[in-house]
Amino acid sequence: MPADALVRVVRSRLEESIHVVDVAVVDEAGGLVAFAGDAERLAFARSSMKPLQATVSLSLAPFDFSDAEVAVMCASHNAEPVHLAAVRGILARAGVAESALLCPTVRPWDEDSALAAPEPMAINSDCSGKHAGMLAACAARGWPQATYRDPSHPLQRAILEGVLRAGRVSECRVGVDGCGVPVHGLSLRSMATVYAGLARPERLESLAGHAVRAVAGMVAQPYLVAGRNRVDTAVMERAGGRLLVKAGAEAMMCAAVLDQGLGVALKVRDGAPRATGPALVAALRALDALDDEDVRALAAFASPPILGGGRPVGVVEATVDLQARL
């Protein structure tokens, strides 16, 4: 199958499945510098837009949030105790009750946390940090809290304006995300442009200082962005401040290469999450944002094993051949 980016699932030396990946890489000026597959492919950004959504919330909520609280605003977290403490910290600073969270009532993603706290609660939602940041913005501005998820709410209108500005587009699709707030549909190129803006926030104009704060929080506290056994956290911890990474549902993944000023967006066409880790690491290696030692250290995500009878019998592996934009 001809493609520039593939994730192959190999069991006992037989290629069992193939996932096709589209990638866009944008420079700080907003130009497409490299791609694989279809850089103009339209998709919902899902949770990959959280750092920008948090940037807008921070611009409206003048509270002295900690790095952990800022990071969890940008997170799709495991609902480990450290994540829940940070979400509650946001709500406490803003004087908002936990009952105001309108994200889904669920058990924690993390198995150990789910065993310790089996009762479904809204704060266990991987999106509760984002929702807490949104509620803090509403509290600061005196806006209604009961309707903060509605597309017509002034907060969501401000976020849409920020998305359009950061993506350098005049319009985008708006749908409903899994947690109930508006979700933004853009081309991969535009999503990469958002992340190039996070790498060079001065290009975000009035949001610049707040984007700096969102990036600083994520880089300082990568564990709060996802948690145990999660690729976002693992890659940022390994990169030591060189990378910003945020996954989204349906196999979306975005990254900012902070020292190069690059934005990266990739989408696995069939939405298979098992392909995102290998594809992300391979794409970052192709950009020299990770080296071979980094890739080896991230092997659990770069080339996770396929098991048979509890032992490795194969591997999930990615090939990302980025084409330079002429």
C-alpha atoms as a PDB file:
ATOM      1  CA  MET A   1       0.000   0.000   0.000  1.00  0.00           C
ATOM      2  CA  PRO A   2       1.637   3.264  -1.090  1.00  0.00           C
ATOM      3  CA  ALA A   3       1.762   5.818   1.719  1.00  0.00           C
ATOM      4  CA  ASP A   4       4.242   8.138   3.376  1.00  0.00           C
ATOM      5  CA  ALA A   5       3.372   7.083   6.913  1.00  0.00           C
ATOM      6  CA  LEU A   6       2.321   3.628   8.046  1.00  0.00           C
ATOM      7  CA  VAL A   7       1.982   1.809  11.331  1.00  0.00           C
ATOM      8  CA  ARG A   8       2.342  -1.932  10.870  1.00  0.00           C
ATOM      9  CA  VAL A   9       1.142  -4.607  13.284  1.00  0.00           C
ATOM     10  CA  VAL A  10       3.331  -7.692  12.937  1.00  0.00           C
ATOM     11  CA  ARG A  11       2.553 -10.959  14.730  1.00  0.00           C
ATOM     12  CA  SER A  12       4.873 -13.954  14.401  1.00  0.00           C
ATOM     13  CA  ARG A  13       6.549 -12.307  11.383  1.00  0.00           C
ATOM     14  CA  LEU A  14       3.218 -11.872   9.553  1.00  0.00           C
ATOM     15  CA  GLU A  15       1.899  -8.375   8.866  1.00  0.00           C
ATOM     16  CA  GLU A  16      -1.567  -8.542  10.429  1.00  0.00           C
ATOM     17  CA  SER A  17      -2.789  -4.957  10.137  1.00  0.00           C
ATOM     18  CA  ILE A  18      -1.781  -1.606   8.655  1.00  0.00           C
ATOM     19  CA  HIS A  19      -2.769   1.872   9.845  1.00  0.00           C
ATOM     20  CA  VAL A  20      -2.314   4.830   7.463  1.00  0.00           C
ATOM     21  CA  VAL A  21      -1.272   8.140   9.009  1.00  0.00           C
ATOM     22  CA  ASP A  22      -1.503  11.717   7.724  1.00  0.00           C
ATOM     23  CA  VAL A  23       1.019  14.253   9.060  1.00  0.00           C
ATOM     24  CA  ALA A  24       1.488  18.014   8.714  1.00  0.00           C
ATOM     25  CA  VAL A  25       4.532  19.975   9.916  1.00  0.00           C
ATOM     26  CA  VAL A  26       4.372  23.782   9.964  1.00  0.00           C
ATOM     27  CA  ASP A  27       7.085  26.343  10.739  1.00  0.00           C
ATOM     28  CA  GLU A  28       6.809  29.414  12.928  1.00  0.00           C
ATOM     29  CA  ALA A  29       5.808  31.548   9.934  1.00  0.00           C
ATOM     30  CA  GLY A  30       2.833  29.260   9.300  1.00  0.00           C
ATOM     31  CA  GLY A  31       4.289  27.589   6.231  1.00  0.00           C
ATOM     32  CA  LEU A  32       3.930  23.867   5.555  1.00  0.00           C
ATOM     33  CA  VAL A  33       7.495  22.534   5.609  1.00  0.00           C
ATOM     34  CA  ALA A  34       6.928  18.770   5.584  1.00  0.00           C
ATOM     35  CA  PHE A  35       4.075  16.309   5.339  1.00  0.00           C
ATOM     36  CA  ALA A  36       3.088  12.691   4.933  1.00  0.00           C
ATOM     37  CA  GLY A  37      -0.131  11.652   3.260  1.00  0.00           C
ATOM     38  CA  ASP A  38      -2.770  14.402   3.230  1.00  0.00           C
ATOM     39  CA  ALA A  39      -1.755  17.511   5.195  1.00  0.00           C
ATOM     40  CA  GLU A  40      -5.088  19.147   4.344  1.00  0.00           C
ATOM     41  CA  ARG A  41      -7.172  16.323   5.787  1.00  0.00           C
ATOM     42  CA  LEU A  42     -10.047  17.685   7.887  1.00  0.00           C
ATOM     43  CA  ALA A  43     -10.559  16.295  11.377  1.00  0.00           C
ATOM     44  CA  PHE A  44     -11.828  17.346  14.764  1.00  0.00           C
ATOM     45  CA  ALA A  45      -8.920  18.353  16.970  1.00  0.00           C
ATOM     46  CA  ARG A  46     -10.566  16.708  19.985  1.00  0.00           C
ATOM     47  CA  SER A  47      -8.416  16.985  23.121  1.00  0.00           C
ATOM     48  CA  SER A  48      -5.374  18.108  21.147  1.00  0.00           C
ATOM     49  CA  MET A  49      -6.948  21.579  21.260  1.00  0.00           C
ATOM     50  CA  LYS A  50      -6.869  21.689  25.067  1.00  0.00           C
ATOM     51  CA  PRO A  51      -3.673  23.777  25.389  1.00  0.00           C
ATOM     52  CA  LEU A  52      -5.278  26.486  23.255  1.00  0.00           C
ATOM     53  CA  GLN A  53      -8.612  26.206  25.076  1.00  0.00           C
ATOM     54  CA  ALA A  54      -6.739  26.531  28.360  1.00  0.00           C
ATOM     55  CA  THR A  55      -4.862  29.540  26.988  1.00  0.00           C
ATOM     56  CA  VAL A  56      -8.169  31.321  26.420  1.00  0.00           C
ATOM     57  CA  SER A  57      -9.470  30.313  29.859  1.00  0.00           C
ATOM     58  CA  LEU A  58      -6.281  31.662  31.441  1.00  0.00           C
ATOM     59  CA  SER A  59      -6.704  34.937  29.559  1.00  0.00           C
ATOM     60  CA  LEU A  60     -10.101  35.374  31.239  1.00  0.00           C
ATOM     61  CA  ALA A  61      -9.323  34.039  34.723  1.00  0.00           C
ATOM     62  CA  PRO A  62      -6.764  36.198  36.599  1.00  0.00           C
ATOM     63  CA  PHE A  63      -6.038  33.684  39.342  1.00  0.00           C
ATOM     64  CA  ASP A  64      -2.571  32.651  40.520  1.00  0.00           C
ATOM     65  CA  PHE A  65      -2.716  29.063  39.284  1.00  0.00           C
ATOM     66  CA  SER A  66       0.143  26.659  40.009  1.00  0.00           C
ATOM     67  CA  ASP A  67       2.009  24.821  37.228  1.00  0.00           C
ATOM     68  CA  ALA A  68       0.131  21.646  38.170  1.00  0.00           C
ATOM     69  CA  GLU A  69      -3.220  23.422  37.880  1.00  0.00           C
ATOM     70  CA  VAL A  70      -2.330  24.941  34.519  1.00  0.00           C
ATOM     71  CA  ALA A  71      -1.078  21.584  33.222  1.00  0.00           C
ATOM     72  CA  VAL A  72      -4.261  19.788  34.262  1.00  0.00           C
ATOM     73  CA  MET A  73      -6.327  22.430  32.430  1.00  0.00           C
ATOM     74  CA  CYS A  74      -4.542  21.198  29.297  1.00  0.00           C
ATOM     75  CA  ALA A  75      -4.848  17.539  30.236  1.00  0.00           C
ATOM     76  CA  SER A  76      -6.607  14.346  29.306  1.00  0.00           C
ATOM     77  CA  HIS A  77      -5.698  12.903  32.664  1.00  0.00           C
ATOM     78  CA  ASN A  78      -5.882   9.459  34.246  1.00  0.00           C
ATOM     79  CA  ALA A  79      -7.783  10.724  37.320  1.00  0.00           C
ATOM     80  CA  GLU A  80      -4.937   9.655  39.574  1.00  0.00           C
ATOM     81  CA  PRO A  81      -5.009  11.395  42.985  1.00  0.00           C
ATOM     82  CA  VAL A  82      -2.489  14.025  41.840  1.00  0.00           C
ATOM     83  CA  HIS A  83      -4.740  14.973  38.927  1.00  0.00           C
ATOM     84  CA  LEU A  84      -7.860  15.246  41.043  1.00  0.00           C
ATOM     85  CA  ALA A  85      -6.032  17.409  43.587  1.00  0.00           C
ATOM     86  CA  ALA A  86      -5.009  19.822  40.823  1.00  0.00           C
ATOM     87  CA  VAL A  87      -8.558  20.028  39.434  1.00  0.00           C
ATOM     88  CA  ARG A  88      -9.914  20.739  42.906  1.00  0.00           C
ATOM     89  CA  GLY A  89      -7.214  23.391  43.302  1.00  0.00           C
ATOM     90  CA  ILE A  90      -8.502  25.221  40.213  1.00  0.00           C
ATOM     91  CA  LEU A  91     -12.066  25.150  41.503  1.00  0.00           C
ATOM     92  CA  ALA A  92     -11.032  26.314  44.967  1.00  0.00           C
ATOM     93  CA  ARG A  93      -9.070  29.294  43.624  1.00  0.00           C
ATOM     94  CA  ALA A  94     -12.074  30.368  41.576  1.00  0.00           C
ATOM     95  CA  GLY A  95     -14.621  29.703  44.312  1.00  0.00           C
ATOM     96  CA  VAL A  96     -16.526  27.213  42.142  1.00  0.00           C
ATOM     97  CA  ALA A  97     -18.255  24.126  43.523  1.00  0.00           C
ATOM     98  CA  GLU A  98     -17.217  20.705  42.212  1.00  0.00           C
ATOM     99  CA  SER A  99     -20.885  20.068  41.417  1.00  0.00           C
ATOM    100  CA  ALA A 100     -20.638  22.727  38.666  1.00  0.00           C
ATOM    101  CA  LEU A 101     -18.532  20.371  36.516  1.00  0.00           C
ATOM    102  CA  LEU A 102     -20.660  19.221  33.592  1.00  0.00           C
ATOM    103  CA  CYS A 103     -18.260  16.664  32.124  1.00  0.00           C
ATOM    104  CA  PRO A 104     -19.349  12.991  31.990  1.00  0.00           C
ATOM    105  CA  THR A 105     -19.639  11.054  35.250  1.00  0.00           C
ATOM    106  CA  VAL A 106     -17.130   8.202  34.923  1.00  0.00           C
ATOM    107  CA  ARG A 107     -14.598   6.053  36.749  1.00  0.00           C
ATOM    108  CA  PRO A 108     -10.874   6.900  36.431  1.00  0.00           C
ATOM    109  CA  TRP A 109      -9.000   5.744  33.326  1.00  0.00           C
ATOM    110  CA  ASP A 110      -6.123   4.544  35.484  1.00  0.00           C
ATOM    111  CA  GLU A 111      -6.775   1.009  36.752  1.00  0.00           C
ATOM    112  CA  ASP A 112      -5.205   1.490  40.184  1.00  0.00           C
ATOM    113  CA  SER A 113      -7.105   4.746  40.686  1.00  0.00           C
ATOM    114  CA  ALA A 114     -10.361   3.113  39.569  1.00  0.00           C
ATOM    115  CA  LEU A 115      -9.889   0.345  42.134  1.00  0.00           C
ATOM    116  CA  ALA A 116      -9.264   2.897  44.884  1.00  0.00           C
ATOM    117  CA  ALA A 117     -12.133   5.186  43.854  1.00  0.00           C
ATOM    118  CA  PRO A 118     -14.722   3.088  42.023  1.00  0.00           C
ATOM    119  CA  GLU A 119     -17.600   5.572  42.311  1.00  0.00           C
ATOM    120  CA  PRO A 120     -18.301   7.377  38.997  1.00  0.00           C
ATOM    121  CA  MET A 121     -17.801  11.138  39.389  1.00  0.00           C
ATOM    122  CA  ALA A 122     -17.530  14.070  37.002  1.00  0.00           C
ATOM    123  CA  ILE A 123     -14.104  14.998  38.349  1.00  0.00           C
ATOM    124  CA  ASN A 124     -12.834  11.584  37.165  1.00  0.00           C
ATOM    125  CA  SER A 125     -13.438  12.613  33.553  1.00  0.00           C
ATOM    126  CA  ASP A 126     -10.168  13.023  31.684  1.00  0.00           C
ATOM    127  CA  CYS A 127     -11.507  16.473  30.681  1.00  0.00           C
ATOM    128  CA  SER A 128     -12.315  17.738  34.185  1.00  0.00           C
ATOM    129  CA  GLY A 129      -9.261  20.022  34.273  1.00  0.00           C
ATOM    130  CA  LYS A 130     -10.348  21.738  31.064  1.00  0.00           C
ATOM    131  CA  HIS A 131     -13.872  22.141  32.446  1.00  0.00           C
ATOM    132  CA  ALA A 132     -12.520  23.511  35.736  1.00  0.00           C
ATOM    133  CA  GLY A 133     -10.496  26.103  33.823  1.00  0.00           C
ATOM    134  CA  MET A 134     -13.578  27.073  31.844  1.00  0.00           C
ATOM    135  CA  LEU A 135     -15.605  27.444  35.024  1.00  0.00           C
ATOM    136  CA  ALA A 136     -12.844  29.579  36.553  1.00  0.00           C
ATOM    137  CA  ALA A 137     -13.053  31.893  33.543  1.00  0.00           C
ATOM    138  CA  CYS A 138     -16.832  32.124  33.933  1.00  0.00           C
ATOM    139  CA  ALA A 139     -16.505  32.885  37.638  1.00  0.00           C
ATOM    140  CA  ALA A 140     -13.957  35.619  36.981  1.00  0.00           C
ATOM    141  CA  ARG A 141     -16.116  37.251  34.299  1.00  0.00           C
ATOM    142  CA  GLY A 142     -19.461  36.813  35.985  1.00  0.00           C
ATOM    143  CA  TRP A 143     -20.728  34.649  33.135  1.00  0.00           C
ATOM    144  CA  PRO A 144     -23.340  31.904  33.622  1.00  0.00           C
ATOM    145  CA  GLN A 145     -21.812  28.653  34.825  1.00  0.00           C
ATOM    146  CA  ALA A 146     -24.741  26.345  34.085  1.00  0.00           C
ATOM    147  CA  THR A 147     -24.430  26.909  30.318  1.00  0.00           C
ATOM    148  CA  TYR A 148     -20.642  27.124  29.900  1.00  0.00           C
ATOM    149  CA  ARG A 149     -20.635  24.248  27.397  1.00  0.00           C
ATOM    150  CA  ASP A 150     -23.037  25.930  24.948  1.00  0.00           C
ATOM    151  CA  PRO A 151     -21.506  27.179  21.676  1.00  0.00           C
ATOM    152  CA  SER A 152     -23.307  30.510  22.153  1.00  0.00           C
ATOM    153  CA  HIS A 153     -21.811  31.074  25.621  1.00  0.00           C
ATOM    154  CA  PRO A 154     -19.366  34.020  25.686  1.00  0.00           C
ATOM    155  CA  LEU A 155     -16.584  31.697  26.838  1.00  0.00           C
ATOM    156  CA  GLN A 156     -17.046  29.316  23.925  1.00  0.00           C
ATOM    157  CA  ARG A 157     -17.253  32.241  21.509  1.00  0.00           C
ATOM    158  CA  ALA A 158     -13.939  33.525  22.889  1.00  0.00           C
ATOM    159  CA  ILE A 159     -12.381  30.058  22.494  1.00  0.00           C
ATOM    160  CA  LEU A 160     -13.602  29.827  18.895  1.00  0.00           C
ATOM    161  CA  GLU A 161     -12.065  33.218  18.167  1.00  0.00           C
ATOM    162  CA  GLY A 162      -8.784  31.995  19.677  1.00  0.00           C
ATOM    163  CA  VAL A 163      -8.852  28.801  17.605  1.00  0.00           C
ATOM    164  CA  LEU A 164      -9.415  30.752  14.388  1.00  0.00           C
ATOM    165  CA  ARG A 165      -6.622  33.184  15.240  1.00  0.00           C
ATOM    166  CA  ALA A 166      -4.134  30.484  16.204  1.00  0.00           C
ATOM    167  CA  GLY A 167      -5.003  28.299  13.218  1.00  0.00           C
ATOM    168  CA  ARG A 168      -4.906  31.284  10.845  1.00  0.00           C
ATOM    169  CA  VAL A 169      -8.267  30.462   9.354  1.00  0.00           C
ATOM    170  CA  SER A 170     -11.485  32.429   8.963  1.00  0.00           C
ATOM    171  CA  GLU A 171     -13.837  29.570   9.841  1.00  0.00           C
ATOM    172  CA  CYS A 172     -13.893  25.991  11.064  1.00  0.00           C
ATOM    173  CA  ARG A 173     -16.340  23.202  11.709  1.00  0.00           C
ATOM    174  CA  VAL A 174     -17.812  23.202  15.219  1.00  0.00           C
ATOM    175  CA  GLY A 175     -19.228  20.001  16.675  1.00  0.00           C
ATOM    176  CA  VAL A 176     -19.752  18.485  20.119  1.00  0.00           C
ATOM    177  CA  ASP A 177     -16.817  16.810  21.840  1.00  0.00           C
ATOM    178  CA  GLY A 178     -17.100  13.695  23.995  1.00  0.00           C
ATOM    179  CA  CYS A 179     -17.180  15.820  27.146  1.00  0.00           C
ATOM    180  CA  GLY A 180     -19.964  18.050  25.822  1.00  0.00           C
ATOM    181  CA  VAL A 181     -18.102  21.259  24.951  1.00  0.00           C
ATOM    182  CA  PRO A 182     -17.634  22.503  21.375  1.00  0.00           C
ATOM    183  CA  VAL A 183     -14.975  20.700  19.334  1.00  0.00           C
ATOM    184  CA  HIS A 184     -13.200  22.313  16.416  1.00  0.00           C
ATOM    185  CA  GLY A 185     -12.712  20.774  12.981  1.00  0.00           C
ATOM    186  CA  LEU A 186      -9.644  21.952  11.081  1.00  0.00           C
ATOM    187  CA  SER A 187      -7.169  20.681   8.541  1.00  0.00           C
ATOM    188  CA  LEU A 188      -4.081  18.983   9.950  1.00  0.00           C
ATOM    189  CA  ARG A 189      -2.088  21.885   8.547  1.00  0.00           C
ATOM    190  CA  SER A 190      -4.159  24.365  10.580  1.00  0.00           C
ATOM    191  CA  MET A 191      -3.839  22.230  13.724  1.00  0.00           C
ATOM    192  CA  ALA A 192      -0.072  22.181  13.238  1.00  0.00           C
ATOM    193  CA  THR A 193      -0.233  25.970  12.875  1.00  0.00           C
ATOM    194  CA  VAL A 194      -1.904  26.184  16.296  1.00  0.00           C
ATOM    195  CA  TYR A 195       1.021  24.263  17.781  1.00  0.00           C
ATOM    196  CA  ALA A 196       3.610  26.355  15.939  1.00  0.00           C
ATOM    197  CA  GLY A 197       1.891  29.295  17.626  1.00  0.00           C
ATOM    198  CA  LEU A 198       2.330  27.633  21.010  1.00  0.00           C
ATOM    199  CA  ALA A 199       6.026  27.225  20.201  1.00  0.00           C
ATOM    200  CA  ARG A 200       6.265  30.899  19.167  1.00  0.00           C
ATOM    201  CA  PRO A 201       3.449  32.488  21.209  1.00  0.00           C
ATOM    202  CA  GLU A 202       4.237  36.057  20.181  1.00  0.00           C
ATOM    203  CA  ARG A 203       2.335  35.181  17.001  1.00  0.00           C
ATOM    204  CA  LEU A 204      -0.844  34.711  19.053  1.00  0.00           C
ATOM    205  CA  GLU A 205      -1.002  38.449  19.747  1.00  0.00           C
ATOM    206  CA  SER A 206      -3.202  39.203  22.792  1.00  0.00           C
ATOM    207  CA  LEU A 207      -3.112  35.543  23.858  1.00  0.00           C
ATOM    208  CA  ALA A 208       0.703  35.412  23.809  1.00  0.00           C
ATOM    209  CA  GLY A 209       1.387  35.734  27.535  1.00  0.00           C
ATOM    210  CA  HIS A 210      -1.308  33.233  28.421  1.00  0.00           C
ATOM    211  CA  ALA A 211       0.022  30.749  25.853  1.00  0.00           C
ATOM    212  CA  VAL A 212       3.447  31.108  27.465  1.00  0.00           C
ATOM    213  CA  ARG A 213       1.823  30.221  30.791  1.00  0.00           C
ATOM    214  CA  ALA A 214       0.022  27.177  29.362  1.00  0.00           C
ATOM    215  CA  VAL A 215       3.202  25.867  27.729  1.00  0.00           C
ATOM    216  CA  ALA A 216       5.258  26.509  30.875  1.00  0.00           C
ATOM    217  CA  GLY A 217       2.775  24.583  33.006  1.00  0.00           C
ATOM    218  CA  MET A 218       2.752  21.574  30.682  1.00  0.00           C
ATOM    219  CA  VAL A 219       6.529  21.485  30.374  1.00  0.00           C
ATOM    220  CA  ALA A 220       7.020  21.870  34.132  1.00  0.00           C
ATOM    221  CA  GLN A 221       4.403  19.229  35.031  1.00  0.00           C
ATOM    222  CA  PRO A 222       4.102  16.711  32.169  1.00  0.00           C
ATOM    223  CA  TYR A 223       2.722  14.059  34.522  1.00  0.00           C
ATOM    224  CA  LEU A 224      -0.347  16.243  35.061  1.00  0.00           C
ATOM    225  CA  VAL A 225      -1.017  16.318  31.293  1.00  0.00           C
ATOM    226  CA  ALA A 226      -1.825  12.593  31.149  1.00  0.00           C
ATOM    227  CA  GLY A 227      -0.172  10.376  33.750  1.00  0.00           C
ATOM    228  CA  ARG A 228       0.981   6.818  34.233  1.00  0.00           C
ATOM    229  CA  ASN A 229       1.619   4.792  31.043  1.00  0.00           C
ATOM    230  CA  ARG A 230       0.602   7.641  28.722  1.00  0.00           C
ATOM    231  CA  VAL A 231       2.548   8.695  25.638  1.00  0.00           C
ATOM    232  CA  ASP A 232       2.065  12.467  26.079  1.00  0.00           C
ATOM    233  CA  THR A 233       3.635  12.379  29.520  1.00  0.00           C
ATOM    234  CA  ALA A 234       6.389   9.937  28.553  1.00  0.00           C
ATOM    235  CA  VAL A 235       7.580  11.909  25.507  1.00  0.00           C
ATOM    236  CA  MET A 236       7.549  15.247  27.323  1.00  0.00           C
ATOM    237  CA  GLU A 237       9.383  13.811  30.313  1.00  0.00           C
ATOM    238  CA  ARG A 238      12.004  12.314  28.016  1.00  0.00           C
ATOM    239  CA  ALA A 239      12.380  15.514  25.985  1.00  0.00           C
ATOM    240  CA  GLY A 240      13.088  17.623  29.054  1.00  0.00           C
ATOM    241  CA  GLY A 241      11.375  20.803  27.898  1.00  0.00           C
ATOM    242  CA  ARG A 242      12.050  20.497  24.161  1.00  0.00           C
ATOM    243  CA  LEU A 243       8.608  19.198  23.216  1.00  0.00           C
ATOM    244  CA  LEU A 244       4.965  19.882  23.954  1.00  0.00           C
ATOM    245  CA  VAL A 245       2.674  16.915  23.219  1.00  0.00           C
ATOM    246  CA  LYS A 246      -1.083  16.479  23.467  1.00  0.00           C
ATOM    247  CA  ALA A 247      -3.173  13.559  22.278  1.00  0.00           C
ATOM    248  CA  GLY A 248      -6.802  13.621  21.226  1.00  0.00           C
ATOM    249  CA  ALA A 249      -9.476  10.994  20.720  1.00  0.00           C
ATOM    250  CA  GLU A 250      -9.805   9.074  17.456  1.00  0.00           C
ATOM    251  CA  ALA A 251      -6.026   8.797  17.120  1.00  0.00           C
ATOM    252  CA  MET A 252      -5.247  12.510  16.886  1.00  0.00           C
ATOM    253  CA  MET A 253      -1.856  13.717  18.105  1.00  0.00           C
ATOM    254  CA  CYS A 254      -0.253  17.158  18.074  1.00  0.00           C
ATOM    255  CA  ALA A 255       3.141  18.414  19.176  1.00  0.00           C
ATOM    256  CA  ALA A 256       5.211  21.586  19.289  1.00  0.00           C
ATOM    257  CA  VAL A 257       8.954  21.307  18.763  1.00  0.00           C
ATOM    258  CA  LEU A 258       9.739  24.245  20.995  1.00  0.00           C
ATOM    259  CA  ASP A 259      13.374  24.834  20.077  1.00  0.00           C
ATOM    260  CA  GLN A 260      12.678  24.656  16.324  1.00  0.00           C
ATOM    261  CA  GLY A 261       9.390  26.574  16.353  1.00  0.00           C
ATOM    262  CA  LEU A 262       7.595  23.735  14.582  1.00  0.00           C
ATOM    263  CA  GLY A 263       4.037  22.529  14.942  1.00  0.00           C
ATOM    264  CA  VAL A 264       3.141  18.910  14.171  1.00  0.00           C
ATOM    265  CA  ALA A 265      -0.299  17.358  13.714  1.00  0.00           C
ATOM    266  CA  LEU A 266      -0.967  13.734  12.827  1.00  0.00           C
ATOM    267  CA  LYS A 267      -4.100  11.638  12.498  1.00  0.00           C
ATOM    268  CA  VAL A 268      -4.406   7.886  12.107  1.00  0.00           C
ATOM    269  CA  ARG A 269      -7.070   7.500   9.450  1.00  0.00           C
ATOM    270  CA  ASP A 270      -8.948   4.613  11.057  1.00  0.00           C
ATOM    271  CA  GLY A 271      -8.863   6.184  14.533  1.00  0.00           C
ATOM    272  CA  ALA A 272      -6.863   3.320  16.085  1.00  0.00           C
ATOM    273  CA  PRO A 273      -5.178   4.649  19.261  1.00  0.00           C
ATOM    274  CA  ARG A 274      -2.579   1.860  19.279  1.00  0.00           C
ATOM    275  CA  ALA A 275      -0.986   3.539  16.258  1.00  0.00           C
ATOM    276  CA  THR A 276      -0.527   7.030  17.724  1.00  0.00           C
ATOM    277  CA  GLY A 277       2.504   6.357  19.929  1.00  0.00           C
ATOM    278  CA  PRO A 278       4.568   4.688  17.196  1.00  0.00           C
ATOM    279  CA  ALA A 279       3.521   7.334  14.648  1.00  0.00           C
ATOM    280  CA  LEU A 280       4.307  10.247  16.968  1.00  0.00           C
ATOM    281  CA  VAL A 281       7.737   8.978  17.952  1.00  0.00           C
ATOM    282  CA  ALA A 282       8.614   8.152  14.330  1.00  0.00           C
ATOM    283  CA  ALA A 283       7.522  11.603  13.143  1.00  0.00           C
ATOM    284  CA  LEU A 284       9.506  13.371  15.869  1.00  0.00           C
ATOM    285  CA  ARG A 285      12.538  11.231  15.050  1.00  0.00           C
ATOM    286  CA  ALA A 286      12.216  12.185  11.369  1.00  0.00           C
ATOM    287  CA  LEU A 287      12.323  15.838  12.445  1.00  0.00           C
ATOM    288  CA  ASP A 288      15.381  15.201  14.690  1.00  0.00           C
ATOM    289  CA  ALA A 289      13.256  16.334  17.626  1.00  0.00           C
ATOM    290  CA  LEU A 290      14.099  12.949  19.181  1.00  0.00           C
ATOM    291  CA  ASP A 291      17.312  10.982  18.678  1.00  0.00           C
ATOM    292  CA  ASP A 292      17.923   7.249  18.556  1.00  0.00           C
ATOM    293  CA  GLU A 293      18.598   7.076  22.292  1.00  0.00           C
ATOM    294  CA  ASP A 294      15.287   8.827  22.955  1.00  0.00           C
ATOM    295  CA  VAL A 295      13.487   6.354  20.719  1.00  0.00           C
ATOM    296  CA  ARG A 296      15.028   3.415  22.572  1.00  0.00           C
ATOM    297  CA  ALA A 297      14.026   4.942  25.907  1.00  0.00           C
ATOM    298  CA  LEU A 298      10.467   5.332  24.585  1.00  0.00           C
ATOM    299  CA  ALA A 299      10.278   1.807  23.185  1.00  0.00           C
ATOM    300  CA  ALA A 300       7.111   0.987  25.131  1.00  0.00           C
ATOM    301  CA  PHE A 301       5.336   3.623  23.009  1.00  0.00           C
ATOM    302  CA  ALA A 302       7.503   3.665  19.872  1.00  0.00           C
ATOM    303  CA  SER A 303       7.330  -0.091  19.261  1.00  0.00           C
ATOM    304  CA  PRO A 304       4.957  -1.730  21.745  1.00  0.00           C
ATOM    305  CA  PRO A 305       5.033  -5.533  21.746  1.00  0.00           C
ATOM    306  CA  ILE A 306       2.327  -7.799  20.394  1.00  0.00           C
ATOM    307  CA  LEU A 307       1.700 -10.545  22.921  1.00  0.00           C
ATOM    308  CA  GLY A 308       0.909 -14.216  22.519  1.00  0.00           C
ATOM    309  CA  GLY A 309       0.331 -16.240  25.637  1.00  0.00           C
ATOM    310  CA  GLY A 310       1.664 -13.389  27.705  1.00  0.00           C
ATOM    311  CA  ARG A 311       5.003 -13.100  25.902  1.00  0.00           C
ATOM    312  CA  PRO A 312       6.143 -10.865  22.993  1.00  0.00           C
ATOM    313  CA  VAL A 313       5.575 -12.452  19.587  1.00  0.00           C
ATOM    314  CA  GLY A 314       5.530  -9.328  17.447  1.00  0.00           C
ATOM    315  CA  VAL A 315       5.550  -5.556  17.426  1.00  0.00           C
ATOM    316  CA  VAL A 316       3.680  -2.425  16.414  1.00  0.00           C
ATOM    317  CA  GLU A 317       6.091  -0.346  14.324  1.00  0.00           C
ATOM    318  CA  ALA A 318       5.890   2.902  12.373  1.00  0.00           C
ATOM    319  CA  THR A 319       7.515   4.253   9.253  1.00  0.00           C
ATOM    320  CA  VAL A 320       7.082   7.981   8.710  1.00  0.00           C
ATOM    321  CA  ASP A 321       8.683   9.319   5.533  1.00  0.00           C
ATOM    322  CA  LEU A 322       8.172  13.062   5.699  1.00  0.00           C
ATOM    323  CA  GLN A 323       8.151  14.789   2.338  1.00  0.00           C
ATOM    324  CA  ALA A 324       9.664  18.269   2.180  1.00  0.00           C
ATOM    325  CA  ARG A 325       7.301  20.955   0.931  1.00  0.00           C
ATOM    326  CA  LEU A 326       8.791  22.382  -2.263  1.00  0.00           C
END
